[in-house]
């Protein structure tokens, strides 16, 4: 009974890790797309020169 529970727990743990990694890849792709859009669509600053699109 205990080995069966350990195998089920391991399967659940690996499934959760796989789902979390896939979710992190999706978030990384969304952030990359937002960064590229911000880079391409940045507004012109004073004098028509394109400034930095980030705030720091």
N, C-alpha and C. Protein backbone atom coordinates (compact mmCIF):
# COMPACT_ATOMS: atom_id res chain seq x y z
N UNK A 1 0.82 -1.19 0.00
CA UNK A 1 0.00 0.00 0.00
C UNK A 1 0.87 1.27 0.00
N UNK A 2 1.91 1.27 0.81
CA UNK A 2 2.80 2.44 0.89
C UNK A 2 3.53 2.68 -0.43
N UNK A 3 4.08 1.65 -1.10
CA UNK A 3 4.73 1.91 -2.39
C UNK A 3 3.78 2.48 -3.43
N UNK A 4 2.53 2.02 -3.42
CA UNK A 4 1.54 2.55 -4.35
C UNK A 4 1.28 4.03 -4.08
N UNK A 5 1.17 4.38 -2.82
CA UNK A 5 0.97 5.79 -2.47
C UNK A 5 2.18 6.63 -2.86
N UNK A 6 3.38 6.10 -2.70
CA UNK A 6 4.59 6.83 -3.09
C UNK A 6 4.64 7.04 -4.60
N UNK A 7 4.26 6.01 -5.37
CA UNK A 7 4.25 6.15 -6.82
C UNK A 7 3.21 7.17 -7.25
N UNK A 8 2.03 7.13 -6.65
CA UNK A 8 0.99 8.11 -6.97
C UNK A 8 1.42 9.53 -6.59
N UNK A 9 2.08 9.67 -5.46
CA UNK A 9 2.57 10.98 -5.03
C UNK A 9 3.65 11.49 -5.99
N UNK A 10 4.53 10.61 -6.42
CA UNK A 10 5.57 10.99 -7.37
C UNK A 10 4.96 11.41 -8.71
N UNK A 11 3.97 10.66 -9.18
CA UNK A 11 3.30 11.01 -10.43
C UNK A 11 2.61 12.37 -10.31
N UNK A 12 1.96 12.62 -9.20
CA UNK A 12 1.30 13.91 -8.99
C UNK A 12 2.32 15.05 -8.94
N UNK A 13 3.43 14.81 -8.28
CA UNK A 13 4.49 15.82 -8.19
C UNK A 13 5.08 16.13 -9.56
N UNK A 14 5.35 15.10 -10.35
CA UNK A 14 5.92 15.32 -11.68
C UNK A 14 4.92 16.00 -12.61
N UNK A 15 3.65 15.65 -12.50
CA UNK A 15 2.62 16.31 -13.31
C UNK A 15 2.53 17.79 -12.95
N UNK A 16 2.58 18.09 -11.66
CA UNK A 16 2.53 19.49 -11.22
C UNK A 16 3.74 20.28 -11.69
N UNK A 17 4.92 19.66 -11.65
CA UNK A 17 6.13 20.34 -12.11
C UNK A 17 6.07 20.59 -13.61
N UNK A 18 5.58 19.62 -14.36
CA UNK A 18 5.46 19.78 -15.81
C UNK A 18 4.48 20.89 -16.16
N UNK A 19 3.37 20.94 -15.45
CA UNK A 19 2.38 21.99 -15.70
C UNK A 19 2.96 23.36 -15.35
N UNK A 20 3.70 23.45 -14.23
CA UNK A 20 4.29 24.72 -13.83
C UNK A 20 5.33 25.18 -14.85
N UNK A 21 6.13 24.27 -15.37
CA UNK A 21 7.14 24.64 -16.36
C UNK A 21 6.48 25.10 -17.65
N UNK A 22 5.40 24.44 -18.05
CA UNK A 22 4.70 24.86 -19.26
C UNK A 22 4.08 26.24 -19.05
N UNK A 23 3.52 26.48 -17.88
CA UNK A 23 2.93 27.79 -17.58
C UNK A 23 4.01 28.87 -17.59
N UNK A 24 5.20 28.57 -17.07
CA UNK A 24 6.28 29.54 -17.08
C UNK A 24 6.74 29.85 -18.50
N UNK A 25 6.76 28.84 -19.38
CA UNK A 25 7.11 29.09 -20.78
C UNK A 25 6.09 30.01 -21.44
N UNK A 26 4.81 29.80 -21.14
CA UNK A 26 3.75 30.65 -21.71
C UNK A 26 3.91 32.08 -21.22
N UNK A 27 4.18 32.26 -19.94
CA UNK A 27 4.39 33.60 -19.39
C UNK A 27 5.62 34.24 -20.02
N UNK A 28 6.69 33.47 -20.23
CA UNK A 28 7.91 34.02 -20.85
C UNK A 28 7.63 34.49 -22.28
N UNK A 29 6.84 33.74 -23.03
CA UNK A 29 6.52 34.13 -24.41
C UNK A 29 5.66 35.40 -24.41
N UNK A 30 4.72 35.51 -23.49
CA UNK A 30 3.87 36.71 -23.41
C UNK A 30 4.72 37.93 -23.05
N UNK A 31 5.63 37.78 -22.10
CA UNK A 31 6.49 38.91 -21.70
C UNK A 31 7.41 39.31 -22.86
N UNK A 32 7.93 38.34 -23.60
CA UNK A 32 8.78 38.64 -24.75
C UNK A 32 7.99 39.39 -25.83
N UNK A 33 6.76 38.97 -26.07
CA UNK A 33 5.92 39.66 -27.06
C UNK A 33 5.64 41.10 -26.62
N UNK A 34 5.34 41.30 -25.33
CA UNK A 34 5.09 42.65 -24.82
C UNK A 34 6.35 43.50 -24.93
N UNK A 35 7.52 42.94 -24.67
CA UNK A 35 8.78 43.67 -24.77
C UNK A 35 9.04 44.09 -26.21
N UNK A 36 8.81 43.17 -27.15
CA UNK A 36 9.03 43.50 -28.56
C UNK A 36 8.05 44.56 -29.04
N UNK A 37 6.79 44.48 -28.61
CA UNK A 37 5.81 45.51 -28.98
C UNK A 37 6.21 46.86 -28.40
N UNK A 38 6.66 46.88 -27.17
CA UNK A 38 7.11 48.13 -26.56
C UNK A 38 8.32 48.71 -27.26
N UNK A 39 9.19 47.85 -27.74
CA UNK A 39 10.37 48.32 -28.46
C UNK A 39 10.00 48.91 -29.81
N UNK A 40 9.06 48.27 -30.51
CA UNK A 40 8.67 48.71 -31.84
C UNK A 40 7.75 49.94 -31.78
N UNK A 41 6.85 49.98 -30.81
CA UNK A 41 5.83 51.03 -30.76
C UNK A 41 6.17 52.16 -29.80
N UNK A 42 7.44 52.31 -29.45
CA UNK A 42 7.78 53.38 -28.50
C UNK A 42 7.51 54.74 -29.13
N UNK A 43 7.12 55.68 -28.29
CA UNK A 43 6.74 57.00 -28.80
C UNK A 43 7.97 57.88 -29.00
N UNK A 44 7.82 58.87 -29.87
CA UNK A 44 8.91 59.80 -30.14
C UNK A 44 9.00 60.82 -29.01
N UNK A 45 10.19 61.13 -28.61
CA UNK A 45 10.42 62.11 -27.57
C UNK A 45 10.52 63.51 -28.15
N UNK A 46 10.97 64.47 -27.35
CA UNK A 46 11.12 65.83 -27.84
C UNK A 46 12.15 65.90 -28.97
N UNK A 47 11.84 66.67 -29.99
CA UNK A 47 12.75 66.80 -31.12
C UNK A 47 12.63 65.66 -32.12
N UNK A 48 11.63 64.81 -31.97
CA UNK A 48 11.42 63.70 -32.90
C UNK A 48 12.32 62.51 -32.66
N UNK A 49 13.17 62.58 -31.64
CA UNK A 49 14.07 61.48 -31.36
C UNK A 49 13.36 60.43 -30.51
N UNK A 50 13.56 59.18 -30.87
CA UNK A 50 12.95 58.12 -30.07
C UNK A 50 13.74 57.94 -28.78
N UNK A 51 13.02 57.98 -27.67
CA UNK A 51 13.68 57.83 -26.38
C UNK A 51 13.63 56.41 -25.89
N UNK A 52 14.03 56.23 -24.66
CA UNK A 52 13.96 54.90 -24.06
C UNK A 52 12.51 54.55 -23.79
N UNK A 53 12.14 53.30 -24.01
CA UNK A 53 10.76 52.91 -23.78
C UNK A 53 10.56 52.37 -22.37
N UNK A 54 11.66 52.11 -21.66
CA UNK A 54 11.54 51.63 -20.29
C UNK A 54 11.70 52.80 -19.33
N UNK A 55 11.37 52.62 -18.07
CA UNK A 55 11.29 53.74 -17.13
C UNK A 55 12.43 53.85 -16.15
N UNK A 56 13.33 52.84 -16.05
CA UNK A 56 14.36 52.96 -15.03
C UNK A 56 15.54 53.73 -15.48
